Amino acid sequence: MSRRLLVSSALALFTGLAFALDLTGVPITSTIELAKTADIGSFARYVPFGDRREVIVRRGKELGFWYGFELGRRKVKVEGGEFELVKYQNRLSPPPLLPGQQRLSGAAARQYEPIAEVLFLPDAELLIPREPDGFTDAEVEKILAAISVR
């Protein structure tokens, strides 16, 4: 998302001139009004509903994390703008089987292919777990309602 704003006026249109106003020095910050369990500045954990499920927030040097294979994307509105919410599926390796140990059931194997959505803000990335045992659509809407960008 570029913060370079092309400004045109009647004079610029008439003369064929245009000038750019550089807004890169203007800080854009997001605020998340949820209960927080940990925050080290570039990484934070939020528990929006008081249970063991967490929303992970990455900022600064933690941005650009690889979340898995993209399954889809959509635009969502939060206070202050419209941003991309991207659905990812990760593939993790289960631990090796020990001699005599049973293979994983289908339900147990799904724990190693989690699905999450990531909200990309100008200054942060919010990882919202969806499956298995993640947040429902209604809960995601409540999480999004707690975010503002200024």
C-alpha atoms as a PDB file:
ATOM      1  CA  MET A   1       0.000   0.000   0.000  1.00  0.00           C
ATOM      2  CA  SER A   2       1.647   3.193  -1.153  1.00  0.00           C
ATOM      3  CA  ARG A   3       1.375   6.324   0.860  1.00  0.00           C
ATOM      4  CA  ARG A   4       2.348   8.439  -2.121  1.00  0.00           C
ATOM      5  CA  LEU A   5      -0.608  10.592  -3.018  1.00  0.00           C
ATOM      6  CA  LEU A   6      -0.921  12.078  -6.487  1.00  0.00           C
ATOM      7  CA  VAL A   7      -2.455  15.502  -6.122  1.00  0.00           C
ATOM      8  CA  SER A   8      -4.028  17.149  -9.119  1.00  0.00           C
ATOM      9  CA  SER A   9      -5.705  20.484  -9.473  1.00  0.00           C
ATOM     10  CA  ALA A  10      -7.396  22.394 -12.246  1.00  0.00           C
ATOM     11  CA  LEU A  11      -4.066  24.111 -12.969  1.00  0.00           C
ATOM     12  CA  ALA A  12      -2.207  20.802 -13.120  1.00  0.00           C
ATOM     13  CA  LEU A  13      -4.817  19.368 -15.477  1.00  0.00           C
ATOM     14  CA  PHE A  14      -4.743  22.467 -17.652  1.00  0.00           C
ATOM     15  CA  THR A  15      -0.948  22.647 -17.917  1.00  0.00           C
ATOM     16  CA  GLY A  16      -0.421  18.893 -17.989  1.00  0.00           C
ATOM     17  CA  LEU A  17       1.660  19.097 -14.836  1.00  0.00           C
ATOM     18  CA  ALA A  18       1.154  16.967 -11.776  1.00  0.00           C
ATOM     19  CA  PHE A  19       3.025  16.865  -8.535  1.00  0.00           C
ATOM     20  CA  ALA A  20       3.302  14.238  -5.849  1.00  0.00           C
ATOM     21  CA  LEU A  21       2.867  14.810  -2.157  1.00  0.00           C
ATOM     22  CA  ASP A  22       5.015  12.323  -0.276  1.00  0.00           C
ATOM     23  CA  LEU A  23       3.289  11.074   2.882  1.00  0.00           C
ATOM     24  CA  THR A  24       5.844   8.399   3.811  1.00  0.00           C
ATOM     25  CA  GLY A  25       6.842  10.364   6.910  1.00  0.00           C
ATOM     26  CA  VAL A  26       3.295  10.269   8.272  1.00  0.00           C
ATOM     27  CA  PRO A  27       3.021   7.334  10.679  1.00  0.00           C
ATOM     28  CA  ILE A  28       0.072   4.977  10.300  1.00  0.00           C
ATOM     29  CA  THR A  29      -0.650   2.979  13.425  1.00  0.00           C
ATOM     30  CA  SER A  30      -3.189   0.328  14.199  1.00  0.00           C
ATOM     31  CA  THR A  31      -4.830  -0.126  17.592  1.00  0.00           C
ATOM     32  CA  ILE A  32      -6.286  -3.432  18.770  1.00  0.00           C
ATOM     33  CA  GLU A  33      -8.731  -3.234  21.665  1.00  0.00           C
ATOM     34  CA  LEU A  34      -8.535  -6.862  22.857  1.00  0.00           C
ATOM     35  CA  ALA A  35      -7.170  -8.509  26.015  1.00  0.00           C
ATOM     36  CA  LYS A  36      -3.421  -9.028  25.654  1.00  0.00           C
ATOM     37  CA  THR A  37      -1.366 -11.825  27.230  1.00  0.00           C
ATOM     38  CA  ALA A  38       2.076 -10.941  25.844  1.00  0.00           C
ATOM     39  CA  ASP A  39       3.701  -8.018  24.034  1.00  0.00           C
ATOM     40  CA  ILE A  40       7.373  -7.558  23.202  1.00  0.00           C
ATOM     41  CA  GLY A  41       6.784  -4.695  20.747  1.00  0.00           C
ATOM     42  CA  SER A  42       7.195  -6.578  17.473  1.00  0.00           C
ATOM     43  CA  PHE A  43       5.137  -9.601  18.569  1.00  0.00           C
ATOM     44  CA  ALA A  44       1.960  -9.768  20.677  1.00  0.00           C
ATOM     45  CA  ARG A  45      -0.655 -12.334  21.705  1.00  0.00           C
ATOM     46  CA  TYR A  46      -4.301 -11.440  22.252  1.00  0.00           C
ATOM     47  CA  VAL A  47      -7.081 -13.585  23.766  1.00  0.00           C
ATOM     48  CA  PRO A  48     -10.274 -11.932  22.509  1.00  0.00           C
ATOM     49  CA  PHE A  49     -12.723 -14.288  24.236  1.00  0.00           C
ATOM     50  CA  GLY A  50     -10.806 -15.254  27.392  1.00  0.00           C
ATOM     51  CA  ASP A  51     -10.172 -18.865  26.337  1.00  0.00           C
ATOM     52  CA  ARG A  52      -6.993 -20.531  25.076  1.00  0.00           C
ATOM     53  CA  ARG A  53      -7.430 -19.332  21.464  1.00  0.00           C
ATOM     54  CA  GLU A  54      -5.060 -16.521  20.511  1.00  0.00           C
ATOM     55  CA  VAL A  55      -4.683 -13.887  17.833  1.00  0.00           C
ATOM     56  CA  ILE A  56      -1.015 -13.281  16.991  1.00  0.00           C
ATOM     57  CA  VAL A  57       0.114  -9.791  15.933  1.00  0.00           C
ATOM     58  CA  ARG A  58       3.435  -9.167  14.221  1.00  0.00           C
ATOM     59  CA  ARG A  59       4.914  -5.675  13.777  1.00  0.00           C
ATOM     60  CA  GLY A  60       8.203  -4.140  12.654  1.00  0.00           C
ATOM     61  CA  LYS A  61      10.984  -6.681  12.123  1.00  0.00           C
ATOM     62  CA  GLU A  62       8.496  -9.587  12.418  1.00  0.00           C
ATOM     63  CA  LEU A  63       6.513  -8.521   9.314  1.00  0.00           C
ATOM     64  CA  GLY A  64       6.663 -10.658   6.176  1.00  0.00           C
ATOM     65  CA  PHE A  65       6.197 -14.053   7.828  1.00  0.00           C
ATOM     66  CA  TRP A  66       5.326 -16.983   5.511  1.00  0.00           C
ATOM     67  CA  TYR A  67       1.923 -18.265   6.630  1.00  0.00           C
ATOM     68  CA  GLY A  68       1.452 -21.194   4.222  1.00  0.00           C
ATOM     69  CA  PHE A  69      -0.395 -21.796   0.988  1.00  0.00           C
ATOM     70  CA  GLU A  70      -2.913 -19.124   0.026  1.00  0.00           C
ATOM     71  CA  LEU A  71      -6.487 -20.413  -0.255  1.00  0.00           C
ATOM     72  CA  GLY A  72      -8.267 -17.125  -0.949  1.00  0.00           C
ATOM     73  CA  ARG A  73      -8.543 -13.461  -0.095  1.00  0.00           C
ATOM     74  CA  ARG A  74     -11.163 -10.833   0.549  1.00  0.00           C
ATOM     75  CA  LYS A  75     -11.369  -7.172   1.484  1.00  0.00           C
ATOM     76  CA  VAL A  76     -12.651  -6.355   4.965  1.00  0.00           C
ATOM     77  CA  LYS A  77     -13.458  -3.042   6.583  1.00  0.00           C
ATOM     78  CA  VAL A  78     -12.010  -1.992   9.899  1.00  0.00           C
ATOM     79  CA  GLU A  79     -12.233   1.443  11.440  1.00  0.00           C
ATOM     80  CA  GLY A  80      -9.979   3.594   9.296  1.00  0.00           C
ATOM     81  CA  GLY A  81      -9.967   1.659   6.027  1.00  0.00           C
ATOM     82  CA  GLU A  82     -10.391  -1.468   3.963  1.00  0.00           C
ATOM     83  CA  PHE A  83      -7.681  -4.151   4.046  1.00  0.00           C
ATOM     84  CA  GLU A  84      -6.851  -7.617   2.696  1.00  0.00           C
ATOM     85  CA  LEU A  85      -7.795 -10.661   4.775  1.00  0.00           C
ATOM     86  CA  VAL A  86      -5.989 -13.668   3.283  1.00  0.00           C
ATOM     87  CA  LYS A  87      -6.812 -17.301   4.101  1.00  0.00           C
ATOM     88  CA  TYR A  88      -3.817 -19.658   4.362  1.00  0.00           C
ATOM     89  CA  GLN A  89      -3.316 -23.351   4.988  1.00  0.00           C
ATOM     90  CA  ASN A  90      -0.059 -24.541   6.489  1.00  0.00           C
ATOM     91  CA  ARG A  91       1.344 -28.071   6.285  1.00  0.00           C
ATOM     92  CA  LEU A  92       3.284 -29.192   9.333  1.00  0.00           C
ATOM     93  CA  SER A  93       5.087 -32.495   9.826  1.00  0.00           C
ATOM     94  CA  PRO A  94       3.720 -34.739  12.562  1.00  0.00           C
ATOM     95  CA  PRO A  95       6.268 -36.356  14.861  1.00  0.00           C
ATOM     96  CA  PRO A  96       7.702 -39.662  13.591  1.00  0.00           C
ATOM     97  CA  LEU A  97       5.863 -42.783  14.652  1.00  0.00           C
ATOM     98  CA  LEU A  98       7.528 -44.872  17.301  1.00  0.00           C
ATOM     99  CA  PRO A  99       7.629 -48.658  16.884  1.00  0.00           C
ATOM    100  CA  GLY A 100       4.170 -50.095  17.562  1.00  0.00           C
ATOM    101  CA  GLN A 101       2.482 -46.671  17.579  1.00  0.00           C
ATOM    102  CA  GLN A 102      -0.850 -46.280  15.712  1.00  0.00           C
ATOM    103  CA  ARG A 103      -1.114 -44.020  12.673  1.00  0.00           C
ATOM    104  CA  LEU A 104      -2.885 -40.692  13.199  1.00  0.00           C
ATOM    105  CA  SER A 105      -6.637 -40.623  12.667  1.00  0.00           C
ATOM    106  CA  GLY A 106      -8.091 -38.171  10.154  1.00  0.00           C
ATOM    107  CA  ALA A 107      -9.117 -35.769  12.920  1.00  0.00           C
ATOM    108  CA  ALA A 108      -5.688 -35.906  14.547  1.00  0.00           C
ATOM    109  CA  ALA A 109      -3.964 -35.418  11.171  1.00  0.00           C
ATOM    110  CA  ARG A 110      -5.962 -32.197  10.567  1.00  0.00           C
ATOM    111  CA  GLN A 111      -4.111 -30.644  13.524  1.00  0.00           C
ATOM    112  CA  TYR A 112      -1.052 -30.610  11.244  1.00  0.00           C
ATOM    113  CA  GLU A 113      -2.829 -28.701   8.431  1.00  0.00           C
ATOM    114  CA  PRO A 114      -4.127 -25.596  10.218  1.00  0.00           C
ATOM    115  CA  ILE A 115      -6.100 -22.923   8.372  1.00  0.00           C
ATOM    116  CA  ALA A 116      -5.780 -19.296   9.423  1.00  0.00           C
ATOM    117  CA  GLU A 117      -6.628 -15.857   8.096  1.00  0.00           C
ATOM    118  CA  VAL A 118      -4.133 -13.011   8.120  1.00  0.00           C
ATOM    119  CA  LEU A 119      -5.206  -9.373   8.138  1.00  0.00           C
ATOM    120  CA  PHE A 120      -2.559  -7.200   6.493  1.00  0.00           C
ATOM    121  CA  LEU A 121      -2.519  -3.692   7.979  1.00  0.00           C
ATOM    122  CA  PRO A 122       0.006  -0.961   7.061  1.00  0.00           C
ATOM    123  CA  ASP A 123       1.980  -1.552  10.280  1.00  0.00           C
ATOM    124  CA  ALA A 124       0.955  -5.064  11.387  1.00  0.00           C
ATOM    125  CA  GLU A 125      -0.111  -8.575  10.421  1.00  0.00           C
ATOM    126  CA  LEU A 126      -2.836 -10.288  12.487  1.00  0.00           C
ATOM    127  CA  LEU A 127      -2.917 -14.087  12.403  1.00  0.00           C
ATOM    128  CA  ILE A 128      -6.438 -15.343  13.184  1.00  0.00           C
ATOM    129  CA  PRO A 129      -6.650 -19.161  13.504  1.00  0.00           C
ATOM    130  CA  ARG A 130      -9.744 -20.696  11.866  1.00  0.00           C
ATOM    131  CA  GLU A 131      -9.406 -24.505  11.733  1.00  0.00           C
ATOM    132  CA  PRO A 132      -9.092 -26.681  13.718  1.00  0.00           C
ATOM    133  CA  ASP A 133     -10.465 -25.199  16.941  1.00  0.00           C
ATOM    134  CA  GLY A 134     -10.126 -21.609  15.735  1.00  0.00           C
ATOM    135  CA  PHE A 135     -12.473 -18.653  15.536  1.00  0.00           C
ATOM    136  CA  THR A 136     -15.898 -18.714  13.866  1.00  0.00           C
ATOM    137  CA  ASP A 137     -17.074 -16.171  11.286  1.00  0.00           C
ATOM    138  CA  ALA A 138     -19.039 -14.259  13.939  1.00  0.00           C
ATOM    139  CA  GLU A 139     -16.002 -14.173  16.249  1.00  0.00           C
ATOM    140  CA  VAL A 140     -13.758 -12.922  13.427  1.00  0.00           C
ATOM    141  CA  GLU A 141     -16.216 -10.069  12.853  1.00  0.00           C
ATOM    142  CA  LYS A 142     -15.944  -9.134  16.554  1.00  0.00           C
ATOM    143  CA  ILE A 143     -12.139  -9.227  16.322  1.00  0.00           C
ATOM    144  CA  LEU A 144     -12.203  -6.969  13.249  1.00  0.00           C
ATOM    145  CA  ALA A 145     -14.534  -4.556  15.061  1.00  0.00           C
ATOM    146  CA  ALA A 146     -11.864  -4.125  17.779  1.00  0.00           C
ATOM    147  CA  ILE A 147      -9.256  -2.825  15.284  1.00  0.00           C
ATOM    148  CA  SER A 148      -8.740   0.781  14.207  1.00  0.00           C
ATOM    149  CA  VAL A 149      -6.157   2.289  11.888  1.00  0.00           C
ATOM    150  CA  ARG A 150      -5.121   5.954  12.110  1.00  0.00           C
END
